PDB file of N, CA and C in Angstrom:
ATOM      1  N   UNK A   1      59.738  52.698  98.299  1.00  0.00           N
ATOM      2  CA  UNK A   1      59.243  53.935  97.738  1.00  0.00           C
ATOM      3  C   UNK A   1      59.674  55.135  98.584  1.00  0.00           C
ATOM      4  N   UNK A   2      59.599  54.954  99.916  1.00  0.00           N
ATOM      5  CA  UNK A   2      60.010  56.048 100.798  1.00  0.00           C
ATOM      6  C   UNK A   2      61.504  56.343 100.626  1.00  0.00           C
ATOM      7  N   UNK A   3      62.271  55.299 100.453  1.00  0.00           N
ATOM      8  CA  UNK A   3      63.716  55.467 100.287  1.00  0.00           C
ATOM      9  C   UNK A   3      64.019  56.233  98.984  1.00  0.00           C
ATOM     10  N   UNK A   4      63.310  55.879  97.916  1.00  0.00           N
ATOM     11  CA  UNK A   4      63.481  56.556  96.637  1.00  0.00           C
ATOM     12  C   UNK A   4      63.111  58.033  96.747  1.00  0.00           C
ATOM     13  N   UNK A   5      62.030  58.350  97.463  1.00  0.00           N
ATOM     14  CA  UNK A   5      61.596  59.735  97.648  1.00  0.00           C
ATOM     15  C   UNK A   5      62.633  60.531  98.436  1.00  0.00           C
ATOM     16  N   UNK A   6      63.201  59.900  99.462  1.00  0.00           N
ATOM     17  CA  UNK A   6      64.218  60.556 100.262  1.00  0.00           C
ATOM     18  C   UNK A   6      65.463  60.863  99.428  1.00  0.00           C
ATOM     19  N   UNK A   7      65.915  59.910  98.628  1.00  0.00           N
ATOM     20  CA  UNK A   7      67.091  60.111  97.768  1.00  0.00           C
ATOM     21  C   UNK A   7      66.808  61.192  96.738  1.00  0.00           C
ATOM     22  N   UNK A   8      65.620  61.200  96.174  1.00  0.00           N
ATOM     23  CA  UNK A   8      65.243  62.212  95.193  1.00  0.00           C
ATOM     24  C   UNK A   8      65.238  63.609  95.827  1.00  0.00           C
ATOM     25  N   UNK A   9      64.699  63.740  97.043  1.00  0.00           N
ATOM     26  CA  UNK A   9      64.683  65.036  97.738  1.00  0.00           C
ATOM     27  C   UNK A   9      66.102  65.522  98.031  1.00  0.00           C
ATOM     28  N   UNK A  10      66.976  64.630  98.470  1.00  0.00           N
ATOM     29  CA  UNK A  10      68.357  65.007  98.752  1.00  0.00           C
ATOM     30  C   UNK A  10      69.080  65.445  97.483  1.00  0.00           C
ATOM     31  N   UNK A  11      68.842  64.768  96.388  1.00  0.00           N
ATOM     32  CA  UNK A  11      69.465  65.132  95.116  1.00  0.00           C
ATOM     33  C   UNK A  11      68.987  66.509  94.654  1.00  0.00           C
ATOM     34  N   UNK A  12      67.693  66.780  94.825  1.00  0.00           N
ATOM     35  CA  UNK A  12      67.160  68.089  94.432  1.00  0.00           C
ATOM     36  C   UNK A  12      67.713  69.210  95.320  1.00  0.00           C
ATOM     37  N   UNK A  13      67.841  68.950  96.613  1.00  0.00           N
ATOM     38  CA  UNK A  13      68.402  69.953  97.519  1.00  0.00           C
ATOM     39  C   UNK A  13      69.868  70.234  97.210  1.00  0.00           C
ATOM     40  N   UNK A  14      70.600  69.212  96.827  1.00  0.00           N
ATOM     41  CA  UNK A  14      72.017  69.394  96.504  1.00  0.00           C
ATOM     42  C   UNK A  14      72.175  70.267  95.263  1.00  0.00           C
ATOM     43  N   UNK A  15      71.211  70.253  94.384  1.00  0.00           N
ATOM     44  CA  UNK A  15      71.268  71.063  93.175  1.00  0.00           C
ATOM     45  C   UNK A  15      70.864  72.508  93.395  1.00  0.00           C
ATOM     46  N   UNK A  16      70.442  72.854  94.603  1.00  0.00           N
ATOM     47  CA  UNK A  16      69.968  74.210  94.898  1.00  0.00           C
ATOM     48  C   UNK A  16      71.039  75.117  95.482  1.00  0.00           C
ATOM     49  N   UNK A  17      72.287  74.822  95.290  1.00  0.00           N
ATOM     50  CA  UNK A  17      73.333  75.690  95.820  1.00  0.00           C
ATOM     51  C   UNK A  17      73.411  76.961  94.994  1.00  0.00           C
ATOM     52  N   UNK A  18      73.843  78.034  95.629  1.00  0.00           N
ATOM     53  CA  UNK A  18      73.960  79.315  94.941  1.00  0.00           C
ATOM     54  C   UNK A  18      75.200  79.326  94.045  1.00  0.00           C
ATOM     55  N   UNK A  19      75.146  80.048  92.953  1.00  0.00           N
ATOM     56  CA  UNK A  19      76.334  80.138  92.095  1.00  0.00           C
ATOM     57  C   UNK A  19      77.442  80.907  92.807  1.00  0.00           C
ATOM     58  N   UNK A  20      78.669  80.559  92.525  1.00  0.00           N
ATOM     59  CA  UNK A  20      79.807  81.246  93.114  1.00  0.00           C
ATOM     60  C   UNK A  20      80.468  82.103  92.056  1.00  0.00           C
ATOM     61  N   UNK A  21      80.725  83.360  92.421  1.00  0.00           N
ATOM     62  CA  UNK A  21      81.338  84.301  91.499  1.00  0.00           C
ATOM     63  C   UNK A  21      82.599  84.887  92.127  1.00  0.00           C
ATOM     64  N   UNK A  22      83.658  84.941  91.360  1.00  0.00           N
ATOM     65  CA  UNK A  22      84.902  85.554  91.808  1.00  0.00           C
ATOM     66  C   UNK A  22      85.229  86.676  90.832  1.00  0.00           C
ATOM     67  N   UNK A  23      85.435  87.875  91.397  1.00  0.00           N
ATOM     68  CA  UNK A  23      85.767  89.027  90.574  1.00  0.00           C
ATOM     69  C   UNK A  23      87.233  89.371  90.814  1.00  0.00           C
ATOM     70  N   UNK A  24      88.016  89.394  89.747  1.00  0.00           N
ATOM     71  CA  UNK A  24      89.423  89.743  89.853  1.00  0.00           C
ATOM     72  C   UNK A  24      89.697  90.905  88.914  1.00  0.00           C
ATOM     73  N   UNK A  25      90.390  91.918  89.425  1.00  0.00           N
ATOM     74  CA  UNK A  25      90.653  93.090  88.603  1.00  0.00           C
ATOM     75  C   UNK A  25      91.887  92.928  87.734  1.00  0.00           C
ATOM     76  N   UNK A  26      92.784  92.053  88.138  1.00  0.00           N
ATOM     77  CA  UNK A  26      94.004  91.857  87.382  1.00  0.00           C
ATOM     78  C   UNK A  26      95.109  92.820  87.765  1.00  0.00           C
ATOM     79  N   UNK A  27      94.781  93.832  88.553  1.00  0.00           N
ATOM     80  CA  UNK A  27      95.783  94.805  88.981  1.00  0.00           C
ATOM     81  C   UNK A  27      96.466  94.325  90.258  1.00  0.00           C
ATOM     82  N   UNK A  28      97.705  94.697  90.406  1.00  0.00           N
ATOM     83  CA  UNK A  28      98.447  94.340  91.613  1.00  0.00           C
ATOM     84  C   UNK A  28      97.944  95.165  92.794  1.00  0.00           C
ATOM     85  N   UNK A  29      98.131  94.648  93.998  1.00  0.00           N
ATOM     86  CA  UNK A  29      97.738  95.380  95.198  1.00  0.00           C
ATOM     87  C   UNK A  29      98.602  96.633  95.341  1.00  0.00           C
ATOM     88  N   UNK A  30      98.039  97.717  95.865  1.00  0.00           N
ATOM     89  CA  UNK A  30      98.837  98.924  96.065  1.00  0.00           C
ATOM     90  C   UNK A  30      99.862  98.717  97.172  1.00  0.00           C
ATOM     91  N   UNK A  31     100.925  99.529  97.139  1.00  0.00           N
ATOM     92  CA  UNK A  31     101.973  99.393  98.154  1.00  0.00           C
ATOM     93  C   UNK A  31     102.573 100.753  98.476  1.00  0.00           C
ATOM     94  N   UNK A  32     103.244 100.796  99.621  1.00  0.00           N
ATOM     95  CA  UNK A  32     103.926 102.007 100.068  1.00  0.00           C
ATOM     96  C   UNK A  32     105.413 101.721 100.203  1.00  0.00           C
ATOM     97  N   UNK A  33     106.232 102.701  99.849  1.00  0.00           N
ATOM     98  CA  UNK A  33     107.681 102.642 100.031  1.00  0.00           C
ATOM     99  C   UNK A  33     108.044 103.814 100.939  1.00  0.00           C
ATOM    100  N   UNK A  34     108.796 103.544 101.998  1.00  0.00           N
ATOM    101  CA  UNK A  34     109.194 104.586 102.947  1.00  0.00           C
ATOM    102  C   UNK A  34     110.665 104.893 102.780  1.00  0.00           C
ATOM    103  N   UNK A  35     110.972 106.121 102.416  1.00  0.00           N
ATOM    104  CA  UNK A  35     112.364 106.562 102.235  1.00  0.00           C
ATOM    105  C   UNK A  35     112.716 107.581 103.312  1.00  0.00           C
ATOM    106  N   UNK A  36     113.910 107.443 103.885  1.00  0.00           N
ATOM    107  CA  UNK A  36     114.414 108.419 104.842  1.00  0.00           C
ATOM    108  C   UNK A  36     114.012 108.182 106.283  1.00  0.00           C
ATOM    109  N   UNK A  37     113.459 107.026 106.598  1.00  0.00           N
ATOM    110  CA  UNK A  37     113.084 106.746 107.990  1.00  0.00           C
ATOM    111  C   UNK A  37     114.339 106.497 108.827  1.00  0.00           C
ATOM    112  N   UNK A  38     114.405 107.066 110.039  1.00  0.00           N
ATOM    113  CA  UNK A  38     115.592 106.864 110.881  1.00  0.00           C
ATOM    114  C   UNK A  38     115.633 105.451 111.462  1.00  0.00           C
ATOM    115  N   UNK A  39     116.810 105.041 111.905  1.00  0.00           N
ATOM    116  CA  UNK A  39     116.969 103.726 112.537  1.00  0.00           C
ATOM    117  C   UNK A  39     116.090 103.649 113.787  1.00  0.00           C
ATOM    118  N   UNK A  40     115.466 102.510 113.974  1.00  0.00           N
ATOM    119  CA  UNK A  40     114.641 102.276 115.154  1.00  0.00           C
ATOM    120  C   UNK A  40     113.248 102.857 115.081  1.00  0.00           C
ATOM    121  N   UNK A  41     112.872 103.460 113.963  1.00  0.00           N
ATOM    122  CA  UNK A  41     111.535 104.034 113.823  1.00  0.00           C
ATOM    123  C   UNK A  41     110.559 102.952 113.364  1.00  0.00           C
ATOM    124  N   UNK A  42     109.331 103.072 113.832  1.00  0.00           N
ATOM    125  CA  UNK A  42     108.273 102.130 113.456  1.00  0.00           C
ATOM    126  C   UNK A  42     107.267 102.843 112.567  1.00  0.00           C
ATOM    127  N   UNK A  43     106.654 102.087 111.657  1.00  0.00           N
ATOM    128  CA  UNK A  43     105.629 102.661 110.786  1.00  0.00           C
ATOM    129  C   UNK A  43     104.260 102.152 111.237  1.00  0.00           C
ATOM    130  N   UNK A  44     103.308 103.074 111.252  1.00  0.00           N
ATOM    131  CA  UNK A  44     101.923 102.765 111.592  1.00  0.00           C
ATOM    132  C   UNK A  44     101.066 103.188 110.412  1.00  0.00           C
ATOM    133  N   UNK A  45     100.171 102.317 110.008  1.00  0.00           N
ATOM    134  CA  UNK A  45      99.230 102.634 108.935  1.00  0.00           C
ATOM    135  C   UNK A  45      97.838 102.550 109.541  1.00  0.00           C
ATOM    136  N   UNK A  46      97.131 103.668 109.516  1.00  0.00           N
ATOM    137  CA  UNK A  46      95.787 103.765 110.103  1.00  0.00           C
ATOM    138  C   UNK A  46      95.779 103.327 111.562  1.00  0.00           C
ATOM    139  N   UNK A  47      96.840 103.668 112.285  1.00  0.00           N
ATOM    140  CA  UNK A  47      96.920 103.381 113.705  1.00  0.00           C
ATOM    141  C   UNK A  47      97.428 101.998 114.069  1.00  0.00           C
ATOM    142  N   UNK A  48      97.693 101.155 113.081  1.00  0.00           N
ATOM    143  CA  UNK A  48      98.178  99.797 113.339  1.00  0.00           C
ATOM    144  C   UNK A  48      99.667  99.692 113.030  1.00  0.00           C
ATOM    145  N   UNK A  49     100.414  99.127 113.968  1.00  0.00           N
ATOM    146  CA  UNK A  49     101.857  98.972 113.780  1.00  0.00           C
ATOM    147  C   UNK A  49     102.134  97.962 112.679  1.00  0.00           C
ATOM    148  N   UNK A  50     103.033  98.336 111.764  1.00  0.00           N
ATOM    149  CA  UNK A  50     103.393  97.437 110.665  1.00  0.00           C
ATOM    150  C   UNK A  50     104.852  97.019 110.729  1.00  0.00           C
ATOM    151  N   UNK A  51     105.596  97.488 111.751  1.00  0.00           N
ATOM    152  CA  UNK A  51     106.972  97.050 111.922  1.00  0.00           C
ATOM    153  C   UNK A  51     107.979  98.163 111.726  1.00  0.00           C
ATOM    154  N   UNK A  52     109.236  97.765 111.589  1.00  0.00           N
ATOM    155  CA  UNK A  52     110.350  98.693 111.410  1.00  0.00           C
ATOM    156  C   UNK A  52     110.207  99.426 110.074  1.00  0.00           C
ATOM    157  N   UNK A  53     110.231 100.742 110.124  1.00  0.00           N
ATOM    158  CA  UNK A  53     110.016 101.556 108.924  1.00  0.00           C
ATOM    159  C   UNK A  53     111.103 101.358 107.882  1.00  0.00           C
ATOM    160  N   UNK A  54     112.347 101.137 108.306  1.00  0.00           N
ATOM    161  CA  UNK A  54     113.460 101.003 107.355  1.00  0.00           C
ATOM    162  C   UNK A  54     113.339  99.774 106.458  1.00  0.00           C
ATOM    163  N   UNK A  55     112.635  98.742 106.917  1.00  0.00           N
ATOM    164  CA  UNK A  55     112.527  97.533 106.104  1.00  0.00           C
ATOM    165  C   UNK A  55     111.661  97.730 104.856  1.00  0.00           C
ATOM    166  N   UNK A  56     110.845  98.775 104.834  1.00  0.00           N
ATOM    167  CA  UNK A  56     109.953  99.022 103.697  1.00  0.00           C
ATOM    168  C   UNK A  56     110.510 100.113 102.777  1.00  0.00           C
ATOM    169  N   UNK A  57     111.803 100.053 102.500  1.00  0.00           N
ATOM    170  CA  UNK A  57     112.449 101.076 101.665  1.00  0.00           C
ATOM    171  C   UNK A  57     112.391 100.755 100.170  1.00  0.00           C
ATOM    172  N   UNK A  58     111.689  99.688  99.816  1.00  0.00           N
ATOM    173  CA  UNK A  58     111.559  99.322  98.411  1.00  0.00           C
ATOM    174  C   UNK A  58     112.669  98.433  97.906  1.00  0.00           C
ATOM    175  N   UNK A  59     113.640  98.147  98.752  1.00  0.00           N
ATOM    176  CA  UNK A  59     114.779  97.331  98.339  1.00  0.00           C
ATOM    177  C   UNK A  59     115.022  96.225  99.352  1.00  0.00           C
ATOM    178  N   UNK A  60     114.401  95.108  99.315  1.00  0.00           N
ATOM    179  CA  UNK A  60     113.432  94.634  98.342  1.00  0.00           C
ATOM    180  C   UNK A  60     111.981  94.756  98.810  1.00  0.00           C
ATOM    181  N   UNK A  61     111.726  95.082 100.103  1.00  0.00           N
ATOM    182  CA  UNK A  61     110.361  95.023 100.618  1.00  0.00           C
ATOM    183  C   UNK A  61     109.599  96.327 100.429  1.00  0.00           C
ATOM    184  N   UNK A  62     108.302  96.165 100.188  1.00  0.00           N
ATOM    185  CA  UNK A  62     107.368  97.279 100.178  1.00  0.00           C
ATOM    186  C   UNK A  62     106.242  96.922 101.144  1.00  0.00           C
ATOM    187  N   UNK A  63     105.482  97.911 101.550  1.00  0.00           N
ATOM    188  CA  UNK A  63     104.383  97.710 102.491  1.00  0.00           C
ATOM    189  C   UNK A  63     103.077  97.622 101.718  1.00  0.00           C
ATOM    190  N   UNK A  64     102.512  96.420 101.654  1.00  0.00           N
ATOM    191  CA  UNK A  64     101.254  96.219 100.932  1.00  0.00           C
ATOM    192  C   UNK A  64     100.093  96.773 101.749  1.00  0.00           C
ATOM    193  N   UNK A  65      99.214  97.523 101.090  1.00  0.00           N
ATOM    194  CA  UNK A  65      98.039  98.111 101.729  1.00  0.00           C
ATOM    195  C   UNK A  65      96.832  97.896 100.826  1.00  0.00           C
ATOM    196  N   UNK A  66      95.661  98.178 101.364  1.00  0.00           N
ATOM    197  CA  UNK A  66      94.450  98.122 100.552  1.00  0.00           C
ATOM    198  C   UNK A  66      94.286  99.425  99.790  1.00  0.00           C
ATOM    199  N   UNK A  67      93.510  99.386  98.736  1.00  0.00           N
ATOM    200  CA  UNK A  67      93.246 100.596  97.960  1.00  0.00           C
ATOM    201  C   UNK A  67      92.466 101.586  98.818  1.00  0.00           C
ATOM    202  N   UNK A  68      92.839 102.860  98.727  1.00  0.00           N
ATOM    203  CA  UNK A  68      92.111 103.892  99.454  1.00  0.00           C
ATOM    204  C   UNK A  68      93.030 104.886 100.133  1.00  0.00           C
ATOM    205  N   UNK A  69      92.447 105.651 101.067  1.00  0.00           N
ATOM    206  CA  UNK A  69      93.184 106.675 101.806  1.00  0.00           C
ATOM    207  C   UNK A  69      93.699 106.058 103.105  1.00  0.00           C
ATOM    208  N   UNK A  70      94.961 106.330 103.422  1.00  0.00           N
ATOM    209  CA  UNK A  70      95.585 105.809 104.630  1.00  0.00           C
ATOM    210  C   UNK A  70      96.370 106.911 105.328  1.00  0.00           C
ATOM    211  N   UNK A  71      96.397 106.837 106.657  1.00  0.00           N
ATOM    212  CA  UNK A  71      97.241 107.724 107.450  1.00  0.00           C
ATOM    213  C   UNK A  71      98.506 106.960 107.788  1.00  0.00           C
ATOM    214  N   UNK A  72      99.637 107.464 107.319  1.00  0.00           N
ATOM    215  CA  UNK A  72     100.934 106.828 107.556  1.00  0.00           C
ATOM    216  C   UNK A  72     101.668 107.644 108.614  1.00  0.00           C
ATOM    217  N   UNK A  73     102.069 106.974 109.693  1.00  0.00           N
ATOM    218  CA  UNK A  73     102.825 107.630 110.759  1.00  0.00           C
ATOM    219  C   UNK A  73     104.148 106.909 110.947  1.00  0.00           C
ATOM    220  N   UNK A  74     105.190 107.686 111.182  1.00  0.00           N
ATOM    221  CA  UNK A  74     106.486 107.122 111.548  1.00  0.00           C
ATOM    222  C   UNK A  74     106.745 107.589 112.975  1.00  0.00           C
ATOM    223  N   UNK A  75     106.939 106.622 113.877  1.00  0.00           N
ATOM    224  CA  UNK A  75     107.134 106.928 115.299  1.00  0.00           C
ATOM    225  C   UNK A  75     108.449 106.343 115.783  1.00  0.00           C
ATOM    226  N   UNK A  76     109.019 107.032 116.738  1.00  0.00           N
ATOM    227  CA  UNK A  76     110.202 106.511 117.423  1.00  0.00           C
ATOM    228  C   UNK A  76     109.854 106.557 118.908  1.00  0.00           C
ATOM    229  N   UNK A  77     109.602 105.381 119.474  1.00  0.00           N
ATOM    230  CA  UNK A  77     109.084 105.323 120.832  1.00  0.00           C
ATOM    231  C   UNK A  77     107.677 105.884 120.843  1.00  0.00           C
ATOM    232  N   UNK A  78     107.436 106.887 121.696  1.00  0.00           N
ATOM    233  CA  UNK A  78     106.116 107.519 121.740  1.00  0.00           C
ATOM    234  C   UNK A  78     106.068 108.805 120.908  1.00  0.00           C
ATOM    235  N   UNK A  79     107.216 109.228 120.386  1.00  0.00           N
ATOM    236  CA  UNK A  79     107.276 110.464 119.596  1.00  0.00           C
ATOM    237  C   UNK A  79     106.872 110.207 118.147  1.00  0.00           C
ATOM    238  N   UNK A  80     105.948 111.012 117.647  1.00  0.00           N
ATOM    239  CA  UNK A  80     105.540 110.933 116.244  1.00  0.00           C
ATOM    240  C   UNK A  80     106.500 111.793 115.437  1.00  0.00           C
ATOM    241  N   UNK A  81     107.257 111.162 114.543  1.00  0.00           N
ATOM    242  CA  UNK A  81     108.241 111.880 113.741  1.00  0.00           C
ATOM    243  C   UNK A  81     107.653 112.445 112.450  1.00  0.00           C
ATOM    244  N   UNK A  82     106.671 111.720 111.892  1.00  0.00           N
ATOM    245  CA  UNK A  82     106.137 112.119 110.588  1.00  0.00           C
ATOM    246  C   UNK A  82     104.739 111.556 110.423  1.00  0.00           C
ATOM    247  N   UNK A  83     103.838 112.349 109.847  1.00  0.00           N
ATOM    248  CA  UNK A  83     102.473 111.913 109.556  1.00  0.00           C
ATOM    249  C   UNK A  83     102.101 112.407 108.165  1.00  0.00           C
ATOM    250  N   UNK A  84     101.475 111.533 107.389  1.00  0.00           N
ATOM    251  CA  UNK A  84     101.003 111.935 106.057  1.00  0.00           C
ATOM    252  C   UNK A  84      99.790 111.092 105.692  1.00  0.00           C
ATOM    253  N   UNK A  85      98.791 111.728 105.072  1.00  0.00           N
ATOM    254  CA  UNK A  85      97.661 110.993 104.508  1.00  0.00           C
ATOM    255  C   UNK A  85      97.976 110.749 103.043  1.00  0.00           C
ATOM    256  N   UNK A  86      97.817 109.500 102.616  1.00  0.00           N
ATOM    257  CA  UNK A  86      98.114 109.149 101.228  1.00  0.00           C
ATOM    258  C   UNK A  86      96.941 108.378 100.638  1.00  0.00           C
ATOM    259  N   UNK A  87      96.747 108.528  99.343  1.00  0.00           N
ATOM    260  CA  UNK A  87      95.768 107.736  98.608  1.00  0.00           C
ATOM    261  C   UNK A  87      96.534 106.849  97.639  1.00  0.00           C
ATOM    262  N   UNK A  88      96.213 105.563  97.650  1.00  0.00           N
ATOM    263  CA  UNK A  88      96.825 104.634  96.700  1.00  0.00           C
ATOM    264  C   UNK A  88      95.723 103.841  96.008  1.00  0.00           C
ATOM    265  N   UNK A  89      95.897 103.636  94.720  1.00  0.00           N
ATOM    266  CA  UNK A  89      94.940 102.838  93.964  1.00  0.00           C
ATOM    267  C   UNK A  89      95.614 101.535  93.543  1.00  0.00           C
ATOM    268  N   UNK A  90      94.814 100.602  93.053  1.00  0.00           N
ATOM    269  CA  UNK A  90      95.348  99.296  92.656  1.00  0.00           C
ATOM    270  C   UNK A  90      96.464  99.428  91.642  1.00  0.00           C
ATOM    271  N   UNK A  91      97.525  98.673  91.872  1.00  0.00           N
ATOM    272  CA  UNK A  91      98.657  98.671  90.980  1.00  0.00           C
ATOM    273  C   UNK A  91      99.659  99.785  91.240  1.00  0.00           C
ATOM    274  N   UNK A  92      99.316 100.721  92.127  1.00  0.00           N
ATOM    275  CA  UNK A  92     100.177 101.870  92.392  1.00  0.00           C
ATOM    276  C   UNK A  92     101.155 101.566  93.524  1.00  0.00           C
ATOM    277  N   UNK A  93     102.373 102.034  93.367  1.00  0.00           N
ATOM    278  CA  UNK A  93     103.382 101.962  94.415  1.00  0.00           C
ATOM    279  C   UNK A  93     103.743 103.400  94.767  1.00  0.00           C
ATOM    280  N   UNK A  94     103.361 103.834  95.955  1.00  0.00           N
ATOM    281  CA  UNK A  94     103.533 105.232  96.370  1.00  0.00           C
ATOM    282  C   UNK A  94     104.739 105.361  97.288  1.00  0.00           C
ATOM    283  N   UNK A  95     105.626 106.327  97.013  1.00  0.00           N
ATOM    284  CA  UNK A  95     106.791 106.566  97.849  1.00  0.00           C
ATOM    285  C   UNK A  95     106.485 107.686  98.832  1.00  0.00           C
ATOM    286  N   UNK A  96     106.718 107.405 100.116  1.00  0.00           N
ATOM    287  CA  UNK A  96     106.544 108.393 101.177  1.00  0.00           C
ATOM    288  C   UNK A  96     107.937 108.801 101.633  1.00  0.00           C
ATOM    289  N   UNK A  97     108.261 110.074 101.456  1.00  0.00           N
ATOM    290  CA  UNK A  97     109.555 110.608 101.888  1.00  0.00           C
ATOM    291  C   UNK A  97     109.394 111.080 103.330  1.00  0.00           C
ATOM    292  N   UNK A  98     110.059 110.401 104.236  1.00  0.00           N
ATOM    293  CA  UNK A  98     109.940 110.732 105.658  1.00  0.00           C
ATOM    294  C   UNK A  98     110.871 111.897 105.975  1.00  0.00           C
ATOM    295  N   UNK A  99     110.290 113.041 106.217  1.00  0.00           N
ATOM    296  CA  UNK A  99     111.050 114.233 106.588  1.00  0.00           C
ATOM    297  C   UNK A  99     110.908 114.394 108.094  1.00  0.00           C
ATOM    298  N   UNK A 100     111.858 113.849 108.858  1.00  0.00           N
ATOM    299  CA  UNK A 100     111.767 113.897 110.312  1.00  0.00           C
ATOM    300  C   UNK A 100     111.791 115.345 110.790  1.00  0.00           C
ATOM    301  N   UNK A 101     111.031 115.586 111.841  1.00  0.00           N
ATOM    302  CA  UNK A 101     110.904 116.945 112.364  1.00  0.00           C
ATOM    303  C   UNK A 101     109.838 117.731 111.632  1.00  0.00           C
ATOM    304  N   UNK A 102     109.140 117.071 110.703  1.00  0.00           N
ATOM    305  CA  UNK A 102     108.102 117.770 109.920  1.00  0.00           C
ATOM    306  C   UNK A 102     106.779 117.057 110.062  1.00  0.00           C
ATOM    307  N   UNK A 103     106.417 116.676 111.295  1.00  0.00           N
ATOM    308  CA  UNK A 103     105.121 116.020 111.501  1.00  0.00           C
ATOM    309  C   UNK A 103     104.015 117.003 111.152  1.00  0.00           C
ATOM    310  N   UNK A 104     103.044 116.517 110.358  1.00  0.00           N
ATOM    311  CA  UNK A 104     101.955 117.399 109.958  1.00  0.00           C
ATOM    312  C   UNK A 104     100.617 116.730 110.170  1.00  0.00           C
TER     313      UNK A 104
END
């Protein structure tokens, strides 16, 4: 009888798991394309290094980011060549034209 009660309690506890919900919007993740970056320049998004800026020229790579506002910086060594705040929403691919000498 004790064994039956134990098995019954375990079965009831196993049935008490919370439901799992997954929400998908169906939209592609937003991305950034950097045009005009000089050789050897690095791109930083929100202060984090993302690699060589020239590789994200849209042919074929783009820089995937989360939806929202981001600060995009192009640096060469310790010099900041270009800064821009951009907003991207889901499914959007935003092109950033790097105008060197025009850090703002």
